[in-house]
Protein backbone atom coordinates (compact mmCIF):
# COMPACT_ATOMS: atom_id res chain seq x y z
CA MET A 1 -19.55 -14.39 0.78
CA ARG A 2 -17.89 -15.54 3.99
CA LEU A 3 -15.28 -13.54 5.89
CA THR A 4 -12.35 -14.88 7.84
CA THR A 5 -10.69 -12.76 10.50
CA THR A 6 -6.93 -13.38 10.57
CA HIS A 7 -4.54 -13.22 13.54
CA TYR A 8 -4.00 -9.47 13.07
CA ASN A 9 -4.80 -7.23 16.03
CA SER A 10 -6.70 -3.94 16.05
CA PRO A 11 -7.33 -2.21 13.67
CA GLU A 12 -9.42 -5.13 12.44
CA PHE A 13 -7.98 -6.97 9.44
CA LYS A 14 -10.07 -9.31 7.28
CA ILE A 15 -9.61 -11.40 4.16
CA ASN A 16 -12.33 -11.52 1.52
CA GLU A 17 -12.31 -15.18 0.61
CA GLY A 18 -14.19 -14.79 -2.66
CA THR A 19 -14.04 -18.13 -4.50
CA THR A 20 -10.93 -19.28 -2.67
CA SER A 21 -11.28 -22.79 -1.22
CA PRO A 22 -10.45 -23.41 2.49
CA ALA A 23 -7.33 -25.36 1.46
CA GLN A 24 -6.09 -22.49 -0.74
CA LEU A 25 -6.85 -19.96 2.00
CA ASP A 26 -4.74 -21.90 4.51
CA LYS A 27 -1.74 -21.62 2.14
CA PHE A 28 -2.37 -17.95 1.30
CA ILE A 29 0.17 -15.56 2.80
CA PRO A 30 -0.73 -11.86 2.47
CA LEU A 31 1.89 -9.60 0.97
CA LEU A 32 1.02 -6.83 3.46
CA LYS A 33 2.61 -7.65 6.80
CA GLU A 34 1.31 -6.58 10.19
CA HIS A 35 4.07 -4.02 10.83
CA HIS A 36 3.54 -2.54 7.35
CA ARG A 37 -0.17 -2.11 8.06
CA LYS A 38 0.49 -0.47 11.43
CA GLN A 39 2.94 2.00 9.93
CA LEU A 40 0.60 2.82 7.04
CA SER A 41 -2.30 3.32 9.47
CA LEU A 42 -0.42 6.21 11.09
CA ALA A 43 -0.29 8.03 7.74
CA LEU A 44 -4.02 7.69 7.01
CA PRO A 45 -6.60 10.40 7.73
CA PRO A 46 -7.46 10.37 11.48
CA THR A 47 -10.91 8.83 10.96
CA LEU A 48 -9.32 5.78 9.28
CA GLN A 49 -6.34 5.17 11.52
CA TYR A 50 -8.27 2.64 13.63
CA GLY A 51 -10.52 1.43 10.86
CA LYS A 52 -11.14 -2.05 9.48
CA TRP A 53 -8.87 -3.39 6.72
CA LYS A 54 -10.20 -5.96 4.26
CA LEU A 55 -8.23 -7.68 1.51
CA LEU A 56 -10.31 -7.12 -1.61
CA PHE A 57 -7.98 -8.24 -4.39
CA SER A 58 -4.80 -10.28 -4.63
CA LEU A 59 -2.89 -10.99 -7.84
CA VAL A 60 -1.82 -14.37 -6.49
CA ARG A 61 -5.28 -15.33 -5.23
CA ASP A 62 -7.61 -13.71 -7.80
CA GLY A 63 -5.50 -13.69 -10.96
CA ALA A 64 -4.49 -10.91 -13.34
CA SER A 65 -7.93 -9.50 -14.06
CA PHE A 66 -8.65 -5.78 -14.26
CA SER A 67 -12.40 -6.40 -14.26
CA THR A 68 -12.18 -8.62 -11.16
CA LEU A 69 -10.26 -5.92 -9.32
CA LEU A 70 -12.90 -3.29 -10.13
CA GLN A 71 -15.67 -5.68 -9.19
CA ASN A 72 -14.06 -6.52 -5.84
CA VAL A 73 -13.38 -2.88 -4.88
CA HIS A 74 -16.92 -1.71 -5.74
CA GLY A 75 -18.37 0.30 -2.86
CA TYR A 76 -15.05 0.99 -1.12
CA GLN A 77 -14.09 4.66 -1.10
CA PHE A 78 -10.76 4.26 0.71
CA THR A 79 -8.23 1.68 -0.50
CA VAL A 80 -4.55 0.87 -0.15
CA LEU A 81 -2.71 -0.71 -3.07
CA ILE A 82 0.59 -2.43 -2.37
CA LEU A 83 2.86 -4.31 -4.78
CA ARG A 84 6.15 -6.16 -4.79
CA THR A 85 8.44 -6.11 -7.81
CA ALA A 86 10.40 -9.07 -9.13
CA ALA A 87 13.49 -7.40 -7.64
CA GLY A 88 11.89 -7.32 -4.17
CA ALA A 89 11.05 -3.61 -3.93
CA MET A 90 7.70 -2.76 -2.34
CA CYS A 91 5.55 0.32 -2.84
CA GLY A 92 1.98 1.46 -3.30
CA GLY A 93 -0.58 4.16 -2.76
CA PHE A 94 -3.57 5.19 -0.68
CA ALA A 95 -6.60 6.23 -2.76
CA ALA A 96 -9.30 8.41 -1.16
CA GLN A 97 -11.89 7.74 -3.85
CA GLU A 98 -13.25 4.49 -5.23
CA TRP A 99 -11.46 3.01 -8.23
CA LYS A 100 -13.84 3.38 -11.18
CA ALA A 101 -13.30 3.44 -14.95
CA TRP A 102 -13.94 7.15 -15.39
CA LYS A 103 -13.98 8.34 -19.01
CA GLU A 104 -12.90 11.89 -18.20
CA GLY A 105 -9.44 10.87 -16.94
CA TYR A 106 -7.94 11.85 -13.61
CA TYR A 107 -9.94 12.31 -10.42
CA GLY A 108 -9.36 11.90 -6.66
CA THR A 109 -8.71 14.04 -3.57
CA GLY A 110 -5.67 15.47 -1.84
CA HIS A 111 -5.88 12.89 0.96
CA SER A 112 -4.28 10.32 -1.35
CA PHE A 113 -0.57 9.56 -1.12
CA LEU A 114 2.18 7.27 -2.44
CA PHE A 115 4.58 5.26 -0.33
CA SER A 116 7.64 3.03 -0.56
CA LEU A 117 8.59 0.24 1.80
CA PRO A 118 11.96 -1.34 2.61
CA CYS A 119 12.98 -4.21 0.38
CA ARG A 120 13.01 -7.80 1.61
CA GLU A 121 16.77 -7.78 2.27
CA GLU A 122 16.55 -4.69 4.48
CA GLU A 123 13.72 -6.28 6.47
CA ARG A 124 15.64 -9.55 6.80
CA ARG A 125 18.64 -7.71 8.28
CA THR A 126 16.37 -5.85 10.69
CA ASP A 127 14.68 -9.08 11.80
CA ILE A 128 18.08 -10.64 12.47
CA ASP A 129 19.27 -7.60 14.42
CA SER A 130 16.09 -7.58 16.49
CA SER A 131 16.35 -11.27 17.32
CA ASN A 132 19.98 -10.87 18.38
CA ASN A 133 19.05 -8.00 20.70
CA ASP A 134 16.04 -9.64 22.34
CA VAL A 135 18.06 -11.42 25.02
CA GLY A 136 18.09 -9.40 28.23
CA ASN A 137 15.48 -6.87 27.11
CA THR A 138 13.00 -5.90 29.80
CA TYR A 139 9.28 -5.76 29.15
CA TYR A 140 9.39 -1.97 28.95
CA GLU A 141 12.33 -2.02 26.52
CA LEU A 142 10.37 -4.32 24.22
CA ILE A 143 7.35 -1.99 24.34
CA LEU A 144 9.59 0.97 23.53
CA ASP A 145 11.14 -0.97 20.63
CA GLN A 146 7.66 -1.61 19.19
CA LEU A 147 6.76 2.08 19.46
CA LEU A 148 9.96 3.07 17.67
CA ASN A 149 9.20 0.66 14.85
CA LEU A 150 5.72 2.15 14.45
CA CYS A 151 7.26 5.61 14.15
CA ALA A 152 9.75 4.63 11.41
CA ILE A 153 8.04 6.94 8.97
CA GLU A 154 9.40 9.72 6.82
CA THR A 155 6.87 12.03 5.21
CA VAL A 156 7.75 14.08 2.16
CA CYS A 157 5.67 17.25 1.61
CA GLY A 158 3.95 16.56 4.93
CA GLU A 159 4.13 17.00 8.67
CA ARG A 160 5.63 13.77 9.94
CA VAL A 161 9.39 13.10 9.75
CA SER A 162 10.41 10.46 12.25
CA GLN A 163 12.93 7.64 11.94
CA SER A 164 14.32 4.81 14.07
CA HIS A 165 16.60 1.85 13.58
CA ALA A 166 13.85 0.09 11.59
CA PRO A 167 13.63 0.31 7.77
CA THR A 168 11.80 3.49 6.84
CA LEU A 169 8.34 3.77 5.34
CA ARG A 170 8.47 6.81 3.09
CA ILE A 171 5.25 8.73 2.45
CA TYR A 172 4.75 11.11 -0.49
CA LYS A 173 1.72 13.32 0.11
CA TRP A 174 -0.16 15.48 -2.38
CA THR A 175 1.81 18.59 -3.28
CA GLY A 176 -1.22 20.60 -4.41
CA LYS A 177 0.41 21.42 -7.77
CA ASN A 178 -2.16 19.57 -9.87
CA ARG A 179 -5.21 17.29 -9.60
CA TYR A 180 -3.73 14.26 -11.40
CA ILE A 181 -4.33 12.00 -8.43
CA GLN A 182 -6.03 8.79 -9.59
CA LEU A 183 -6.46 7.36 -13.10
CA CYS A 184 -8.58 4.29 -13.86
CA ARG A 185 -8.83 3.75 -17.62
CA ALA A 186 -10.79 0.80 -18.97
CA SER A 187 -9.70 1.22 -22.60
CA ASP A 188 -6.17 -0.05 -21.89
CA GLU A 189 -6.80 -1.41 -18.36
CA LYS A 190 -4.50 1.03 -16.61
CA LEU A 191 -4.42 2.10 -12.95
CA ALA A 192 -2.22 5.04 -11.98
CA PHE A 193 -1.42 7.56 -9.27
CA GLY A 194 -0.03 11.02 -10.07
CA GLY A 195 1.26 12.72 -13.17
CA GLY A 196 2.39 16.00 -14.66
CA GLY A 197 5.70 17.78 -14.58
CA PHE A 198 8.45 18.16 -17.16
CA GLU A 199 9.13 14.42 -17.52
CA GLY A 200 5.46 13.45 -17.73
CA ASN A 201 5.79 10.33 -15.54
CA PHE A 202 3.12 8.59 -13.54
CA GLY A 203 3.96 8.45 -9.85
CA LEU A 204 2.89 4.81 -9.95
CA CYS A 205 1.30 2.99 -12.86
CA LEU A 206 0.06 -0.58 -13.38
CA ASP A 207 -0.31 -1.72 -16.98
CA ARG A 208 -2.63 -4.29 -18.54
CA ASP A 209 -2.76 -7.71 -16.82
CA PHE A 210 -0.68 -6.29 -13.91
CA ALA A 211 2.48 -7.81 -15.38
CA LEU A 212 4.47 -4.57 -15.62
CA GLY A 213 4.48 -1.31 -13.72
CA SER A 214 6.35 1.97 -13.74
CA SER A 215 7.22 4.72 -11.28
CA GLY A 216 8.85 8.09 -11.77
CA TRP A 217 8.99 11.59 -10.37
CA CYS A 218 5.62 13.33 -10.78
CA GLU A 219 4.41 16.80 -9.91
CA THR A 220 1.35 15.49 -8.06
CA PHE A 221 3.27 13.84 -5.22
CA GLY A 222 6.86 15.04 -5.73
CA ASN A 223 7.99 11.45 -5.28
CA GLU A 224 11.22 9.71 -6.12
CA PRO A 225 10.88 6.54 -8.25
CA LEU A 226 9.25 4.25 -5.69
CA THR A 227 11.10 1.07 -6.67
CA GLY A 228 14.54 2.32 -7.68
CA GLU A 229 13.79 1.53 -11.34
CA HIS A 230 11.48 3.28 -13.76
CA THR A 231 9.91 0.12 -15.24
CA PHE A 232 9.56 -3.15 -13.35
CA ALA A 233 7.96 -6.57 -13.42
CA ILE A 234 5.23 -7.09 -10.81
CA ASP A 235 5.67 -10.16 -8.59
CA ASP A 236 2.58 -9.66 -6.40
CA LEU A 237 -0.15 -7.09 -5.89
CA GLU A 238 -2.83 -6.55 -3.26
CA LEU A 239 -5.60 -4.01 -2.74
CA TYR A 240 -7.25 -3.40 0.64
CA GLY A 241 -10.46 -1.61 1.50
CA ILE A 242 -10.56 0.49 4.68
CA THR A 243 -13.71 1.46 6.53
CA SER A 244 -13.97 3.74 9.55
CA ASP A 245 -15.41 2.71 12.89
CA CYS A 246 -16.03 6.34 13.79
CA PHE A 247 -19.46 6.59 12.16
């Protein structure tokens, strides 16, 4: 299986080509953007913040196959799942254990978290504002602007609360109230983060064939609905493996 390194800078970012032809790969545009990856890296455990990212599964590239997803993620302990809804909302989760079809239900560790990203319209407005303000900026002002964008993170139930003019990446860390962290159920092909609480919601759930998803408040992460709507249609989905360079 051949690997192609994209234009992304450190931490290293790779695409797993799988059975994708060179022509298809040239047209493939990852859902996860460079600035998203940089912001998410800051929220990862320290040993992974400068690790290697590899695209293991893409709904657009690999198709709506639960078995293909599990096959592609085999051997990767740390993964980031990101999706975009039909309405343009973006969210996902970091899993600190490998996705496997466990029969006993929930598993996982407290290093996992959920996150929500700004919608496409918010990012478009920010891009326009940034381009209008570029004229006359000094080199040092541009560097400062990049640093501010990287720190546009708000952490709920965690240590980091920092915002700038950029759209905010919101992180929902483990609350410690239960152990309902990851669910990978082969019987109905369901992937989920979080659960518990009075309402009994999943924090984030992907149903069979990755056509529909849901998100609601859950006791595990204390999160708001990540997409602004409880049930949503999935437009695109990607899953990345992360390996550390520290060992």
